[in-house]
Amino acid sequence: MAGKKSKGTALSVFKGKEAKLNRAIFQALALHGPLKKYGIHKNLIKQRKPKKKHYGNVSKRVNALEQSGFLERIDLGRMEAGSEAIVYELKPRAYLAFLFDSLGLENVLGRLDDEFAAEVLAAVLASKPLNSDLTKSESLRKLKS
C-alpha cells in the first residue's frame, strides 16, 4: 500500500506511526466542530480510514495531542447516562498544521503577499528567540522594528 505523497517537509504531528490517526482526528474535529472523545471515535469509525481506531487508541491520541498543544478542552458535555465528558476542539496551530499538511508549505508560502509574510515572520521572531545566524542578519532587524 502506498503512503501519503509528501508535499514538502512533514510536520512532527504528521510523522511516525500515529500520523494517520492524528490526521483523522484533526479532520473529524475540523469538519464537525468540537466533539467529545466518543464523538471523535464515532466519526473515525464512519470514515474507516485508520486501522487503529479502537476507543483506547483514540483516547490516548487525543490526550497526547492535547499535551502537545494542538487540542483544547473547552467544556464539559453531558453524556446520556448523566455523567460528564470533556469536549475538545482544534487550536489555531492545529488548523495551521493541517493546512500546511494538506496544501504543502510551498503552496501556502506562494499564496502569501510580501507584507503579510513580513508580519508572520516578525510574529514568529518576537514569540521565540531562534538560535541561528538568520536572526542576526541586518535585514531581519529592520523587519522587527
N, C-alpha and C. Protein backbone atom coordinates (compact mmCIF):
# COMPACT_ATOMS: atom_id res chain seq x y z
N MET A 1 0.85 -1.18 0.00
CA MET A 1 0.00 0.00 0.00
C MET A 1 0.89 1.23 0.00
N ALA A 2 0.61 2.14 -0.87
CA ALA A 2 1.41 3.36 -0.97
C ALA A 2 1.04 4.34 0.12
N GLY A 3 2.04 5.07 0.63
CA GLY A 3 1.81 6.07 1.68
C GLY A 3 1.33 7.38 1.09
N LYS A 4 1.10 8.33 1.96
CA LYS A 4 0.65 9.66 1.53
C LYS A 4 1.79 10.36 0.81
N LYS A 5 1.49 10.95 -0.32
CA LYS A 5 2.51 11.69 -1.07
C LYS A 5 2.90 12.92 -0.29
N SER A 6 4.17 13.13 -0.12
CA SER A 6 4.66 14.29 0.62
C SER A 6 4.57 15.54 -0.24
N LYS A 7 4.15 16.62 0.39
CA LYS A 7 4.07 17.91 -0.30
C LYS A 7 5.11 18.85 0.29
N GLY A 8 6.22 18.32 0.74
CA GLY A 8 7.27 19.15 1.33
C GLY A 8 7.70 18.55 2.65
N THR A 9 8.12 19.40 3.54
CA THR A 9 8.59 18.96 4.85
C THR A 9 7.40 18.56 5.71
N ALA A 10 7.44 17.34 6.24
CA ALA A 10 6.35 16.86 7.09
C ALA A 10 6.51 17.43 8.50
N LEU A 11 5.41 17.84 9.10
CA LEU A 11 5.42 18.33 10.46
C LEU A 11 5.48 17.14 11.41
N SER A 12 5.99 17.37 12.61
CA SER A 12 6.19 16.27 13.55
C SER A 12 4.88 15.58 13.93
N VAL A 13 3.78 16.31 13.95
CA VAL A 13 2.50 15.71 14.30
C VAL A 13 2.02 14.75 13.21
N PHE A 14 2.53 14.89 12.00
CA PHE A 14 2.14 14.02 10.90
C PHE A 14 3.28 13.08 10.48
N LYS A 15 4.15 12.76 11.42
CA LYS A 15 5.22 11.79 11.18
C LYS A 15 5.02 10.60 12.11
N GLY A 16 5.59 9.48 11.73
CA GLY A 16 5.57 8.31 12.60
C GLY A 16 4.34 7.46 12.44
N LYS A 17 4.21 6.49 13.35
CA LYS A 17 3.14 5.51 13.22
C LYS A 17 1.77 6.06 13.61
N GLU A 18 1.71 7.18 14.32
CA GLU A 18 0.43 7.75 14.70
C GLU A 18 -0.04 8.86 13.77
N ALA A 19 0.66 9.08 12.67
CA ALA A 19 0.34 10.18 11.76
C ALA A 19 -1.06 10.06 11.16
N LYS A 20 -1.45 8.86 10.74
CA LYS A 20 -2.76 8.67 10.12
C LYS A 20 -3.88 8.94 11.12
N LEU A 21 -3.69 8.49 12.35
CA LEU A 21 -4.71 8.70 13.37
C LEU A 21 -4.79 10.18 13.74
N ASN A 22 -3.65 10.85 13.85
CA ASN A 22 -3.65 12.29 14.12
C ASN A 22 -4.38 13.05 13.03
N ARG A 23 -4.09 12.73 11.79
CA ARG A 23 -4.72 13.39 10.65
C ARG A 23 -6.24 13.15 10.66
N ALA A 24 -6.65 11.94 10.98
CA ALA A 24 -8.08 11.61 11.02
C ALA A 24 -8.78 12.35 12.16
N ILE A 25 -8.12 12.48 13.31
CA ILE A 25 -8.69 13.22 14.44
C ILE A 25 -8.83 14.69 14.07
N PHE A 26 -7.79 15.27 13.47
CA PHE A 26 -7.86 16.66 13.03
C PHE A 26 -9.01 16.87 12.04
N GLN A 27 -9.15 15.94 11.10
CA GLN A 27 -10.18 16.05 10.09
C GLN A 27 -11.58 15.97 10.71
N ALA A 28 -11.76 15.06 11.66
CA ALA A 28 -13.07 14.93 12.32
C ALA A 28 -13.42 16.21 13.08
N LEU A 29 -12.46 16.77 13.79
CA LEU A 29 -12.74 17.99 14.55
C LEU A 29 -12.92 19.20 13.63
N ALA A 30 -12.19 19.24 12.53
CA ALA A 30 -12.32 20.37 11.60
C ALA A 30 -13.68 20.34 10.89
N LEU A 31 -14.16 19.16 10.54
CA LEU A 31 -15.43 19.04 9.82
C LEU A 31 -16.66 19.16 10.72
N HIS A 32 -16.57 18.61 11.94
CA HIS A 32 -17.74 18.51 12.80
C HIS A 32 -17.71 19.45 14.00
N GLY A 33 -16.65 20.22 14.16
CA GLY A 33 -16.57 21.14 15.29
C GLY A 33 -16.17 20.43 16.57
N PRO A 34 -16.36 21.09 17.70
CA PRO A 34 -15.97 20.49 18.98
C PRO A 34 -16.70 19.17 19.25
N LEU A 35 -15.94 18.17 19.70
CA LEU A 35 -16.50 16.85 19.97
C LEU A 35 -15.91 16.26 21.24
N LYS A 36 -16.64 15.30 21.81
CA LYS A 36 -16.12 14.50 22.91
C LYS A 36 -15.27 13.39 22.31
N LYS A 37 -14.48 12.72 23.14
CA LYS A 37 -13.66 11.62 22.63
C LYS A 37 -14.52 10.56 21.96
N TYR A 38 -15.67 10.28 22.55
CA TYR A 38 -16.57 9.29 21.96
C TYR A 38 -17.07 9.75 20.59
N GLY A 39 -17.37 11.04 20.46
CA GLY A 39 -17.81 11.58 19.18
C GLY A 39 -16.71 11.50 18.12
N ILE A 40 -15.48 11.77 18.53
CA ILE A 40 -14.34 11.63 17.62
C ILE A 40 -14.23 10.18 17.17
N HIS A 41 -14.34 9.26 18.13
CA HIS A 41 -14.25 7.84 17.83
C HIS A 41 -15.36 7.40 16.86
N LYS A 42 -16.58 7.87 17.07
CA LYS A 42 -17.69 7.53 16.18
C LYS A 42 -17.43 8.02 14.75
N ASN A 43 -16.88 9.22 14.63
CA ASN A 43 -16.57 9.75 13.30
C ASN A 43 -15.47 8.97 12.61
N LEU A 44 -14.48 8.50 13.37
CA LEU A 44 -13.40 7.70 12.79
C LEU A 44 -13.92 6.35 12.29
N ILE A 45 -14.87 5.78 13.02
CA ILE A 45 -15.45 4.51 12.58
C ILE A 45 -16.20 4.71 11.26
N LYS A 46 -16.90 5.83 11.13
CA LYS A 46 -17.62 6.12 9.88
C LYS A 46 -16.66 6.33 8.72
N GLN A 47 -15.50 6.96 8.98
CA GLN A 47 -14.53 7.23 7.92
C GLN A 47 -13.86 5.96 7.42
N ARG A 48 -13.66 4.99 8.31
CA ARG A 48 -12.98 3.72 8.01
C ARG A 48 -11.56 3.92 7.50
N LYS A 49 -10.91 5.00 7.91
CA LYS A 49 -9.56 5.25 7.40
C LYS A 49 -8.47 4.61 8.25
N PRO A 50 -8.24 5.04 9.49
CA PRO A 50 -7.11 4.45 10.20
C PRO A 50 -7.45 3.05 10.71
N LYS A 51 -6.43 2.22 10.77
CA LYS A 51 -6.65 0.86 11.25
C LYS A 51 -6.80 0.83 12.77
N LYS A 52 -6.04 1.66 13.46
CA LYS A 52 -6.07 1.67 14.92
C LYS A 52 -7.16 2.61 15.40
N LYS A 53 -8.41 2.21 15.20
CA LYS A 53 -9.50 3.09 15.57
C LYS A 53 -10.24 2.62 16.81
N HIS A 54 -9.62 1.78 17.62
CA HIS A 54 -10.23 1.38 18.87
C HIS A 54 -10.30 2.59 19.80
N TYR A 55 -11.30 2.61 20.65
CA TYR A 55 -11.53 3.77 21.51
C TYR A 55 -10.30 4.10 22.37
N GLY A 56 -9.63 3.08 22.86
CA GLY A 56 -8.44 3.31 23.70
C GLY A 56 -7.33 4.04 22.95
N ASN A 57 -7.11 3.64 21.69
CA ASN A 57 -6.09 4.31 20.88
C ASN A 57 -6.48 5.76 20.59
N VAL A 58 -7.75 5.98 20.28
CA VAL A 58 -8.21 7.34 20.00
C VAL A 58 -8.08 8.20 21.26
N SER A 59 -8.44 7.65 22.39
CA SER A 59 -8.36 8.39 23.65
C SER A 59 -6.92 8.78 23.97
N LYS A 60 -5.99 7.86 23.81
CA LYS A 60 -4.57 8.16 24.05
C LYS A 60 -4.05 9.23 23.10
N ARG A 61 -4.44 9.15 21.84
CA ARG A 61 -4.00 10.14 20.84
C ARG A 61 -4.56 11.52 21.17
N VAL A 62 -5.83 11.59 21.56
CA VAL A 62 -6.44 12.87 21.92
C VAL A 62 -5.70 13.48 23.11
N ASN A 63 -5.39 12.66 24.12
CA ASN A 63 -4.64 13.15 25.27
C ASN A 63 -3.25 13.65 24.87
N ALA A 64 -2.58 12.90 23.99
CA ALA A 64 -1.25 13.31 23.54
C ALA A 64 -1.30 14.59 22.71
N LEU A 65 -2.32 14.73 21.87
CA LEU A 65 -2.47 15.96 21.07
C LEU A 65 -2.81 17.15 21.95
N GLU A 66 -3.53 16.91 23.03
CA GLU A 66 -3.83 18.00 23.96
C GLU A 66 -2.55 18.44 24.68
N GLN A 67 -1.74 17.49 25.09
CA GLN A 67 -0.47 17.84 25.75
C GLN A 67 0.49 18.53 24.80
N SER A 68 0.42 18.19 23.51
CA SER A 68 1.29 18.82 22.52
C SER A 68 0.82 20.22 22.14
N GLY A 69 -0.38 20.60 22.56
CA GLY A 69 -0.87 21.93 22.29
C GLY A 69 -1.68 22.07 21.01
N PHE A 70 -2.15 20.95 20.47
CA PHE A 70 -2.95 21.01 19.25
C PHE A 70 -4.45 20.99 19.54
N LEU A 71 -4.84 20.43 20.67
CA LEU A 71 -6.26 20.37 21.05
C LEU A 71 -6.46 21.12 22.35
N GLU A 72 -7.70 21.57 22.54
CA GLU A 72 -8.02 22.36 23.73
C GLU A 72 -9.33 21.84 24.33
N ARG A 73 -9.34 21.74 25.66
CA ARG A 73 -10.59 21.40 26.35
C ARG A 73 -11.44 22.66 26.42
N ILE A 74 -12.69 22.55 26.00
CA ILE A 74 -13.49 23.77 26.02
C ILE A 74 -14.69 23.68 26.96
N ASP A 75 -15.16 22.47 27.25
CA ASP A 75 -16.40 22.38 28.01
C ASP A 75 -16.55 20.97 28.56
N LEU A 76 -17.43 20.85 29.52
CA LEU A 76 -17.86 19.53 29.96
C LEU A 76 -19.23 19.27 29.36
N GLY A 77 -19.32 18.29 28.50
CA GLY A 77 -20.59 17.96 27.85
C GLY A 77 -21.31 16.87 28.62
N ARG A 78 -22.61 16.84 28.52
CA ARG A 78 -23.41 15.84 29.20
C ARG A 78 -23.46 14.56 28.36
N MET A 79 -23.35 13.45 29.03
CA MET A 79 -23.48 12.15 28.38
C MET A 79 -24.90 11.63 28.63
N GLU A 80 -25.27 10.57 27.94
CA GLU A 80 -26.62 10.02 28.10
C GLU A 80 -26.87 9.47 29.50
N ALA A 81 -25.85 8.90 30.11
CA ALA A 81 -26.02 8.27 31.41
C ALA A 81 -25.99 9.30 32.55
N GLY A 82 -25.86 10.56 32.24
CA GLY A 82 -25.85 11.59 33.28
C GLY A 82 -24.46 12.01 33.70
N SER A 83 -23.45 11.34 33.21
CA SER A 83 -22.08 11.73 33.55
C SER A 83 -21.62 12.83 32.59
N GLU A 84 -20.44 13.37 32.86
CA GLU A 84 -19.92 14.44 32.02
C GLU A 84 -18.68 13.96 31.27
N ALA A 85 -18.46 14.52 30.10
CA ALA A 85 -17.28 14.20 29.29
C ALA A 85 -16.70 15.51 28.78
N ILE A 86 -15.40 15.52 28.57
CA ILE A 86 -14.71 16.72 28.12
C ILE A 86 -14.92 16.88 26.61
N VAL A 87 -15.18 18.11 26.20
CA VAL A 87 -15.34 18.43 24.78
C VAL A 87 -14.05 19.07 24.29
N TYR A 88 -13.54 18.60 23.17
CA TYR A 88 -12.28 19.07 22.61
C TYR A 88 -12.51 19.83 21.31
N GLU A 89 -11.65 20.81 21.04
CA GLU A 89 -11.66 21.49 19.76
C GLU A 89 -10.22 21.73 19.32
N LEU A 90 -10.06 21.99 18.03
CA LEU A 90 -8.74 22.27 17.48
C LEU A 90 -8.29 23.68 17.85
N LYS A 91 -7.02 23.81 18.21
CA LYS A 91 -6.45 25.13 18.42
C LYS A 91 -6.03 25.69 17.06
N PRO A 92 -5.81 27.01 16.98
CA PRO A 92 -5.39 27.58 15.69
C PRO A 92 -4.12 26.96 15.12
N ARG A 93 -3.18 26.56 15.99
CA ARG A 93 -1.96 25.94 15.47
C ARG A 93 -2.24 24.58 14.84
N ALA A 94 -3.29 23.90 15.28
CA ALA A 94 -3.68 22.63 14.66
C ALA A 94 -4.27 22.87 13.28
N TYR A 95 -5.10 23.92 13.15
CA TYR A 95 -5.63 24.26 11.83
C TYR A 95 -4.49 24.62 10.88
N LEU A 96 -3.51 25.36 11.39
CA LEU A 96 -2.37 25.75 10.57
C LEU A 96 -1.55 24.52 10.16
N ALA A 97 -1.32 23.60 11.08
CA ALA A 97 -0.59 22.37 10.76
C ALA A 97 -1.34 21.55 9.72
N PHE A 98 -2.66 21.46 9.89
CA PHE A 98 -3.50 20.72 8.95
C PHE A 98 -3.46 21.37 7.57
N LEU A 99 -3.48 22.69 7.54
CA LEU A 99 -3.39 23.43 6.28
C LEU A 99 -2.05 23.19 5.60
N PHE A 100 -0.95 23.29 6.36
CA PHE A 100 0.37 23.06 5.79
C PHE A 100 0.49 21.63 5.26
N ASP A 101 -0.10 20.69 5.99
CA ASP A 101 -0.01 19.29 5.57
C ASP A 101 -0.82 19.03 4.30
N SER A 102 -2.01 19.59 4.23
CA SER A 102 -2.87 19.29 3.07
C SER A 102 -2.48 20.09 1.83
N LEU A 103 -2.09 21.35 2.00
CA LEU A 103 -1.73 22.17 0.84
C LEU A 103 -0.24 22.13 0.51
N GLY A 104 0.57 21.89 1.50
CA GLY A 104 2.01 21.93 1.31
C GLY A 104 2.54 23.31 1.66
N LEU A 105 3.66 23.34 2.32
CA LEU A 105 4.25 24.60 2.77
C LEU A 105 4.59 25.50 1.59
N GLU A 106 5.08 24.92 0.51
CA GLU A 106 5.45 25.70 -0.67
C GLU A 106 4.23 26.41 -1.27
N ASN A 107 3.11 25.71 -1.33
CA ASN A 107 1.89 26.29 -1.87
C ASN A 107 1.35 27.41 -0.98
N VAL A 108 1.40 27.21 0.34
CA VAL A 108 0.93 28.24 1.27
C VAL A 108 1.81 29.48 1.17
N LEU A 109 3.11 29.29 1.12
CA LEU A 109 4.02 30.43 1.01
C LEU A 109 3.83 31.16 -0.32
N GLY A 110 3.47 30.44 -1.36
CA GLY A 110 3.23 31.06 -2.65
C GLY A 110 1.98 31.93 -2.67
N ARG A 111 1.04 31.67 -1.77
CA ARG A 111 -0.19 32.44 -1.69
C ARG A 111 -0.05 33.71 -0.85
N LEU A 112 1.02 33.83 -0.06
CA LEU A 112 1.20 35.00 0.80
C LEU A 112 1.80 36.16 0.03
N ASP A 113 1.32 37.35 0.32
CA ASP A 113 1.98 38.52 -0.25
C ASP A 113 3.14 38.91 0.67
N ASP A 114 4.04 39.76 0.19
CA ASP A 114 5.25 40.09 0.94
C ASP A 114 4.96 40.78 2.27
N GLU A 115 3.96 41.62 2.30
CA GLU A 115 3.63 42.36 3.52
C GLU A 115 3.16 41.41 4.62
N PHE A 116 2.26 40.48 4.27
CA PHE A 116 1.75 39.53 5.25
C PHE A 116 2.85 38.56 5.69
N ALA A 117 3.71 38.16 4.76
CA ALA A 117 4.83 37.28 5.09
C ALA A 117 5.76 37.96 6.09
N ALA A 118 5.98 39.26 5.92
CA ALA A 118 6.82 40.01 6.86
C ALA A 118 6.18 40.07 8.24
N GLU A 119 4.86 40.22 8.30
CA GLU A 119 4.15 40.24 9.59
C GLU A 119 4.26 38.89 10.29
N VAL A 120 4.10 37.81 9.53
CA VAL A 120 4.21 36.47 10.11
C VAL A 120 5.62 36.24 10.61
N LEU A 121 6.60 36.62 9.84
CA LEU A 121 8.00 36.46 10.25
C LEU A 121 8.29 37.26 11.51
N ALA A 122 7.80 38.48 11.58
CA ALA A 122 8.02 39.31 12.77
C ALA A 122 7.34 38.69 13.99
N ALA A 123 6.15 38.13 13.82
CA ALA A 123 5.45 37.49 14.94
C ALA A 123 6.19 36.26 15.43
N VAL A 124 6.74 35.47 14.50
CA VAL A 124 7.49 34.27 14.89
C VAL A 124 8.77 34.66 15.62
N LEU A 125 9.47 35.64 15.11
CA LEU A 125 10.71 36.07 15.74
C LEU A 125 10.46 36.72 17.10
N ALA A 126 9.33 37.38 17.27
CA ALA A 126 9.01 38.01 18.54
C ALA A 126 8.58 37.00 19.59
N SER A 127 7.97 35.90 19.17
CA SER A 127 7.44 34.93 20.13
C SER A 127 8.52 34.03 20.72
N LYS A 128 9.46 33.60 19.94
CA LYS A 128 10.51 32.70 20.41
C LYS A 128 11.83 33.11 19.80
N PRO A 129 12.85 33.31 20.64
CA PRO A 129 14.15 33.62 20.06
C PRO A 129 14.74 32.38 19.38
N LEU A 130 15.22 32.56 18.18
CA LEU A 130 15.83 31.47 17.42
C LEU A 130 17.34 31.57 17.54
N ASN A 131 17.98 30.46 17.71
CA ASN A 131 19.44 30.43 17.78
C ASN A 131 20.01 30.08 16.42
N SER A 132 20.15 31.09 15.59
CA SER A 132 20.73 30.84 14.28
C SER A 132 21.34 32.13 13.75
N ASP A 133 22.10 31.99 12.70
CA ASP A 133 22.69 33.16 12.06
C ASP A 133 21.64 34.00 11.36
N LEU A 134 20.49 33.39 11.04
CA LEU A 134 19.43 34.10 10.36
C LEU A 134 18.90 35.25 11.22
N THR A 135 18.77 35.03 12.53
CA THR A 135 18.22 36.06 13.41
C THR A 135 19.19 37.21 13.61
N LYS A 136 20.45 37.01 13.30
CA LYS A 136 21.45 38.06 13.47
C LYS A 136 21.59 38.93 12.23
N SER A 137 20.89 38.60 11.17
CA SER A 137 21.05 39.34 9.93
C SER A 137 20.47 40.75 10.05
N GLU A 138 21.06 41.64 9.30
CA GLU A 138 20.67 43.06 9.32
C GLU A 138 19.27 43.27 8.78
N SER A 139 18.91 42.51 7.74
CA SER A 139 17.58 42.71 7.13
C SER A 139 16.46 42.29 8.08
N LEU A 140 16.68 41.28 8.93
CA LEU A 140 15.65 40.88 9.88
C LEU A 140 15.50 41.91 11.01
N ARG A 141 16.56 42.56 11.37
CA ARG A 141 16.46 43.61 12.39
C ARG A 141 15.59 44.74 11.88
N LYS A 142 15.65 45.04 10.60
CA LYS A 142 14.80 46.08 10.03
C LYS A 142 13.34 45.68 10.06
N LEU A 143 13.06 44.38 9.84
CA LEU A 143 11.67 43.90 9.87
C LEU A 143 11.08 43.98 11.27
N LYS A 144 11.90 43.70 12.28
CA LYS A 144 11.42 43.72 13.65
C LYS A 144 10.98 45.12 14.07
N SER A 145 11.68 46.12 13.60
CA SER A 145 11.35 47.49 14.02
C SER A 145 10.41 48.19 13.09
